[in-house]
Amino acid sequence: MTKKMLVLAASALLLPFAYAVDYPEVKEGLWSVHTQSIDNPGNKKSEGTYTICRDHAFDKSVQANMKEMKGCTKVSENLSGGKYTLELRCVVSGTTIVTKGASTFQGDTAFHSENHATYTPPMYGMSETTMIMDEKYVGGCPAGTKPGDRTNSDGKVMHLGNH
């Protein structure tokens, strides 16, 4: 597992559709996602933007995959007043990863997430990471795009759904 994949895995654990409570459904279509992350040690900062085509079936498939992650235990989870919080504890290759985060919904067209993960002992030299994500609905998915298609800022498309 590369360091970048590790960062993404930790932050993905806290996507607002990631676990079990009845979270508010978000609008189907194209979403813009802006991410900022800080990895430590070293206070290494990065940011990026991508779009993803989503529908309720795609969101439910991500939720199902998250529930099946081996080595992870849900410590706490809550949804109240449009704010979703989750704490998970995972063991990956001998490293305990504790992930805490919160997502705040702004209706069904936007949400803001802040996630923090610690790695004990450090994994690939990383002891902690913080990721901030702002997601917003931008309209219908472009022609030829399927739910789960993620387009990076460089135009590269990743097919995350069942194609």
C-alpha atoms as a PDB file:
ATOM      1  CA  MET A   1       0.000   0.000   0.000  1.00  0.00           C
ATOM      2  CA  THR A   2       1.478   3.340  -0.975  1.00  0.00           C
ATOM      3  CA  LYS A   3       1.446   6.332   1.330  1.00  0.00           C
ATOM      4  CA  LYS A   4      -1.081   8.132  -0.882  1.00  0.00           C
ATOM      5  CA  MET A   5      -3.402   5.114  -0.802  1.00  0.00           C
ATOM      6  CA  LEU A   6      -3.073   5.025   2.976  1.00  0.00           C
ATOM      7  CA  VAL A   7      -4.106   8.679   3.235  1.00  0.00           C
ATOM      8  CA  LEU A   8      -7.046   8.092   0.923  1.00  0.00           C
ATOM      9  CA  ALA A   9      -8.124   4.955   2.794  1.00  0.00           C
ATOM     10  CA  ALA A  10      -8.089   6.743   6.125  1.00  0.00           C
ATOM     11  CA  SER A  11     -10.071   9.680   4.859  1.00  0.00           C
ATOM     12  CA  ALA A  12     -12.465   7.524   2.880  1.00  0.00           C
ATOM     13  CA  LEU A  13     -13.521   5.872   6.105  1.00  0.00           C
ATOM     14  CA  LEU A  14     -15.364   9.010   7.039  1.00  0.00           C
ATOM     15  CA  LEU A  15     -17.240   9.831   3.895  1.00  0.00           C
ATOM     16  CA  PRO A  16     -20.742  10.741   4.971  1.00  0.00           C
ATOM     17  CA  PHE A  17     -22.187   7.635   3.339  1.00  0.00           C
ATOM     18  CA  ALA A  18     -19.606   5.313   4.820  1.00  0.00           C
ATOM     19  CA  TYR A  19     -21.319   3.477   7.621  1.00  0.00           C
ATOM     20  CA  ALA A  20     -24.639   2.544   9.159  1.00  0.00           C
ATOM     21  CA  VAL A  21     -26.829   5.417  10.311  1.00  0.00           C
ATOM     22  CA  ASP A  22     -29.529   6.698   7.995  1.00  0.00           C
ATOM     23  CA  TYR A  23     -27.580   9.666   6.674  1.00  0.00           C
ATOM     24  CA  PRO A  24     -29.343  12.248   4.542  1.00  0.00           C
ATOM     25  CA  GLU A  25     -29.324  11.204   0.894  1.00  0.00           C
ATOM     26  CA  VAL A  26     -27.544  13.631  -1.359  1.00  0.00           C
ATOM     27  CA  LYS A  27     -28.597  14.650  -4.833  1.00  0.00           C
ATOM     28  CA  GLU A  28     -27.738  12.293  -7.691  1.00  0.00           C
ATOM     29  CA  GLY A  29     -25.474  13.730 -10.387  1.00  0.00           C
ATOM     30  CA  LEU A  30     -22.059  15.320 -10.750  1.00  0.00           C
ATOM     31  CA  TRP A  31     -20.270  16.469  -7.613  1.00  0.00           C
ATOM     32  CA  SER A  32     -17.179  18.636  -7.293  1.00  0.00           C
ATOM     33  CA  VAL A  33     -14.817  17.598  -4.490  1.00  0.00           C
ATOM     34  CA  HIS A  34     -12.045  19.800  -3.118  1.00  0.00           C
ATOM     35  CA  THR A  35      -9.575  18.124  -0.733  1.00  0.00           C
ATOM     36  CA  GLN A  36      -6.843  19.480   1.497  1.00  0.00           C
ATOM     37  CA  SER A  37      -4.576  17.191   3.490  1.00  0.00           C
ATOM     38  CA  ILE A  38      -1.761  17.566   5.987  1.00  0.00           C
ATOM     39  CA  ASP A  39       0.513  14.584   6.659  1.00  0.00           C
ATOM     40  CA  ASN A  40       2.867  14.322   9.627  1.00  0.00           C
ATOM     41  CA  PRO A  41       5.599  14.266  10.503  1.00  0.00           C
ATOM     42  CA  GLY A  42       6.714  17.109   8.305  1.00  0.00           C
ATOM     43  CA  ASN A  43       3.463  19.066   8.020  1.00  0.00           C
ATOM     44  CA  LYS A  44       3.276  18.052   4.324  1.00  0.00           C
ATOM     45  CA  LYS A  45       0.333  19.813   2.718  1.00  0.00           C
ATOM     46  CA  SER A  46      -1.442  18.915  -0.488  1.00  0.00           C
ATOM     47  CA  GLU A  47      -4.725  19.779  -2.131  1.00  0.00           C
ATOM     48  CA  GLY A  48      -6.698  18.835  -5.178  1.00  0.00           C
ATOM     49  CA  THR A  49     -10.037  18.890  -6.904  1.00  0.00           C
ATOM     50  CA  TYR A  50     -11.940  16.225  -8.790  1.00  0.00           C
ATOM     51  CA  THR A  51     -15.482  15.490  -9.889  1.00  0.00           C
ATOM     52  CA  ILE A  52     -17.434  12.306  -9.342  1.00  0.00           C
ATOM     53  CA  CYS A  53     -20.685  11.110 -10.850  1.00  0.00           C
ATOM     54  CA  ARG A  54     -22.870   9.553  -8.166  1.00  0.00           C
ATOM     55  CA  ASP A  55     -26.272   8.044  -7.650  1.00  0.00           C
ATOM     56  CA  HIS A  56     -27.918   6.422  -4.647  1.00  0.00           C
ATOM     57  CA  ALA A  57     -26.940   2.903  -5.794  1.00  0.00           C
ATOM     58  CA  PHE A  58     -23.257   3.941  -6.007  1.00  0.00           C
ATOM     59  CA  ASP A  59     -23.419   5.529  -2.531  1.00  0.00           C
ATOM     60  CA  LYS A  60     -25.017   2.347  -1.136  1.00  0.00           C
ATOM     61  CA  SER A  61     -22.311   0.182  -2.739  1.00  0.00           C
ATOM     62  CA  VAL A  62     -19.598   2.311  -1.095  1.00  0.00           C
ATOM     63  CA  GLN A  63     -21.440   1.979   2.213  1.00  0.00           C
ATOM     64  CA  ALA A  64     -21.613  -1.827   1.796  1.00  0.00           C
ATOM     65  CA  ASN A  65     -17.887  -2.018   0.974  1.00  0.00           C
ATOM     66  CA  MET A  66     -17.009   0.027   4.047  1.00  0.00           C
ATOM     67  CA  LYS A  67     -19.014  -2.295   6.305  1.00  0.00           C
ATOM     68  CA  GLU A  68     -17.042  -5.266   4.951  1.00  0.00           C
ATOM     69  CA  MET A  69     -13.593  -3.811   5.666  1.00  0.00           C
ATOM     70  CA  LYS A  70     -11.668  -6.408   7.630  1.00  0.00           C
ATOM     71  CA  GLY A  71      -9.797  -5.331  10.735  1.00  0.00           C
ATOM     72  CA  CYS A  72     -12.003  -2.308  11.436  1.00  0.00           C
ATOM     73  CA  THR A  73     -14.251  -1.654  14.411  1.00  0.00           C
ATOM     74  CA  LYS A  74     -16.705   1.205  14.745  1.00  0.00           C
ATOM     75  CA  VAL A  75     -16.034   3.006  18.041  1.00  0.00           C
ATOM     76  CA  SER A  76     -18.837   5.557  17.739  1.00  0.00           C
ATOM     77  CA  GLU A  77     -21.242   6.977  15.181  1.00  0.00           C
ATOM     78  CA  ASN A  78     -23.879   9.690  15.383  1.00  0.00           C
ATOM     79  CA  LEU A  79     -26.127  11.751  13.136  1.00  0.00           C
ATOM     80  CA  SER A  80     -27.774  14.784  14.676  1.00  0.00           C
ATOM     81  CA  GLY A  81     -28.947  18.055  13.187  1.00  0.00           C
ATOM     82  CA  GLY A  82     -27.292  17.431   9.824  1.00  0.00           C
ATOM     83  CA  LYS A  83     -23.905  16.583  11.377  1.00  0.00           C
ATOM     84  CA  TYR A  84     -22.524  13.047  11.032  1.00  0.00           C
ATOM     85  CA  THR A  85     -19.644  11.889  13.241  1.00  0.00           C
ATOM     86  CA  LEU A  86     -17.736   8.620  13.167  1.00  0.00           C
ATOM     87  CA  GLU A  87     -14.767   7.098  14.946  1.00  0.00           C
ATOM     88  CA  LEU A  88     -13.170   3.916  13.621  1.00  0.00           C
ATOM     89  CA  ARG A  89     -10.286   1.777  14.803  1.00  0.00           C
ATOM     90  CA  CYS A  90      -8.565  -0.384  12.185  1.00  0.00           C
ATOM     91  CA  VAL A  91      -5.530  -2.638  12.305  1.00  0.00           C
ATOM     92  CA  VAL A  92      -3.615  -2.822   9.013  1.00  0.00           C
ATOM     93  CA  SER A  93      -0.310  -4.681   8.739  1.00  0.00           C
ATOM     94  CA  GLY A  94       0.320  -4.310  12.488  1.00  0.00           C
ATOM     95  CA  THR A  95      -0.506  -0.601  12.592  1.00  0.00           C
ATOM     96  CA  THR A  96      -3.522   0.674  14.508  1.00  0.00           C
ATOM     97  CA  ILE A  97      -5.298   3.453  12.636  1.00  0.00           C
ATOM     98  CA  VAL A  98      -7.744   5.549  14.658  1.00  0.00           C
ATOM     99  CA  THR A  99      -9.881   7.764  12.449  1.00  0.00           C
ATOM    100  CA  LYS A 100     -12.198  10.473  13.789  1.00  0.00           C
ATOM    101  CA  GLY A 101     -14.229  12.814  11.694  1.00  0.00           C
ATOM    102  CA  ALA A 102     -17.335  14.838  11.108  1.00  0.00           C
ATOM    103  CA  SER A 103     -19.383  15.757   8.056  1.00  0.00           C
ATOM    104  CA  THR A 104     -21.837  18.636   8.080  1.00  0.00           C
ATOM    105  CA  PHE A 105     -24.600  18.546   5.461  1.00  0.00           C
ATOM    106  CA  GLN A 106     -25.964  21.672   3.818  1.00  0.00           C
ATOM    107  CA  GLY A 107     -29.199  20.251   2.493  1.00  0.00           C
ATOM    108  CA  ASP A 108     -28.770  17.598  -0.200  1.00  0.00           C
ATOM    109  CA  THR A 109     -26.386  19.626  -2.391  1.00  0.00           C
ATOM    110  CA  ALA A 110     -23.256  20.201  -0.272  1.00  0.00           C
ATOM    111  CA  PHE A 111     -21.313  18.970   2.708  1.00  0.00           C
ATOM    112  CA  HIS A 112     -18.063  19.687   4.521  1.00  0.00           C
ATOM    113  CA  SER A 113     -15.963  16.922   6.128  1.00  0.00           C
ATOM    114  CA  GLU A 114     -12.988  17.076   8.463  1.00  0.00           C
ATOM    115  CA  ASN A 115     -11.167  13.837   9.254  1.00  0.00           C
ATOM    116  CA  HIS A 116      -8.143  13.030  11.384  1.00  0.00           C
ATOM    117  CA  ALA A 117      -6.288   9.701  11.461  1.00  0.00           C
ATOM    118  CA  THR A 118      -3.406   8.560  13.671  1.00  0.00           C
ATOM    119  CA  TYR A 119      -1.118   5.611  12.894  1.00  0.00           C
ATOM    120  CA  THR A 120       0.498   3.645  15.755  1.00  0.00           C
ATOM    121  CA  PRO A 121       3.199   2.708  15.026  1.00  0.00           C
ATOM    122  CA  PRO A 122       3.670   5.015  12.024  1.00  0.00           C
ATOM    123  CA  MET A 123       2.999   3.466   8.626  1.00  0.00           C
ATOM    124  CA  TYR A 124       5.324   4.335   5.747  1.00  0.00           C
ATOM    125  CA  GLY A 125       6.729   7.071   7.981  1.00  0.00           C
ATOM    126  CA  MET A 126       3.339   8.709   8.549  1.00  0.00           C
ATOM    127  CA  SER A 127       2.043   9.118  12.103  1.00  0.00           C
ATOM    128  CA  GLU A 128      -1.044  11.209  11.388  1.00  0.00           C
ATOM    129  CA  THR A 129      -3.025  12.842   8.621  1.00  0.00           C
ATOM    130  CA  THR A 130      -5.819  15.389   8.489  1.00  0.00           C
ATOM    131  CA  MET A 131      -8.086  15.708   5.469  1.00  0.00           C
ATOM    132  CA  ILE A 132     -10.670  18.396   4.791  1.00  0.00           C
ATOM    133  CA  MET A 133     -13.173  17.817   1.991  1.00  0.00           C
ATOM    134  CA  ASP A 134     -15.747  20.188   0.563  1.00  0.00           C
ATOM    135  CA  GLU A 135     -18.227  18.574  -1.789  1.00  0.00           C
ATOM    136  CA  LYS A 136     -20.968  20.234  -3.784  1.00  0.00           C
ATOM    137  CA  TYR A 137     -23.496  19.227  -6.389  1.00  0.00           C
ATOM    138  CA  VAL A 138     -22.824  20.851  -9.764  1.00  0.00           C
ATOM    139  CA  GLY A 139     -25.511  19.327 -12.035  1.00  0.00           C
ATOM    140  CA  GLY A 140     -26.203  16.268 -14.113  1.00  0.00           C
ATOM    141  CA  CYS A 141     -23.455  13.829 -15.019  1.00  0.00           C
ATOM    142  CA  PRO A 142     -21.935  14.404 -18.472  1.00  0.00           C
ATOM    143  CA  ALA A 143     -23.064  12.132 -21.316  1.00  0.00           C
ATOM    144  CA  GLY A 144     -21.219   8.825 -21.259  1.00  0.00           C
ATOM    145  CA  THR A 145     -20.364   9.138 -17.569  1.00  0.00           C
ATOM    146  CA  LYS A 146     -21.559   6.446 -15.166  1.00  0.00           C
ATOM    147  CA  PRO A 147     -21.987   6.537 -11.387  1.00  0.00           C
ATOM    148  CA  GLY A 148     -18.589   6.058  -9.800  1.00  0.00           C
ATOM    149  CA  ASP A 149     -16.660   7.784 -12.586  1.00  0.00           C
ATOM    150  CA  ARG A 150     -14.155  10.137 -10.979  1.00  0.00           C
ATOM    151  CA  THR A 151     -12.402  12.731 -13.146  1.00  0.00           C
ATOM    152  CA  ASN A 152      -9.216  14.237 -11.741  1.00  0.00           C
ATOM    153  CA  SER A 153      -8.173  17.815 -12.470  1.00  0.00           C
ATOM    154  CA  ASP A 154      -5.754  16.489 -15.116  1.00  0.00           C
ATOM    155  CA  GLY A 155      -8.653  14.852 -16.977  1.00  0.00           C
ATOM    156  CA  LYS A 156      -7.750  11.275 -15.982  1.00  0.00           C
ATOM    157  CA  VAL A 157     -10.879   9.176 -15.332  1.00  0.00           C
ATOM    158  CA  MET A 158     -11.040   6.455 -12.677  1.00  0.00           C
ATOM    159  CA  HIS A 159     -13.963   4.022 -12.758  1.00  0.00           C
ATOM    160  CA  LEU A 160     -14.887   3.414  -9.116  1.00  0.00           C
ATOM    161  CA  GLY A 161     -18.354   2.016  -9.768  1.00  0.00           C
ATOM    162  CA  ASN A 162     -19.523  -1.294 -11.145  1.00  0.00           C
ATOM    163  CA  HIS A 163     -18.806  -1.007 -14.868  1.00  0.00           C
END
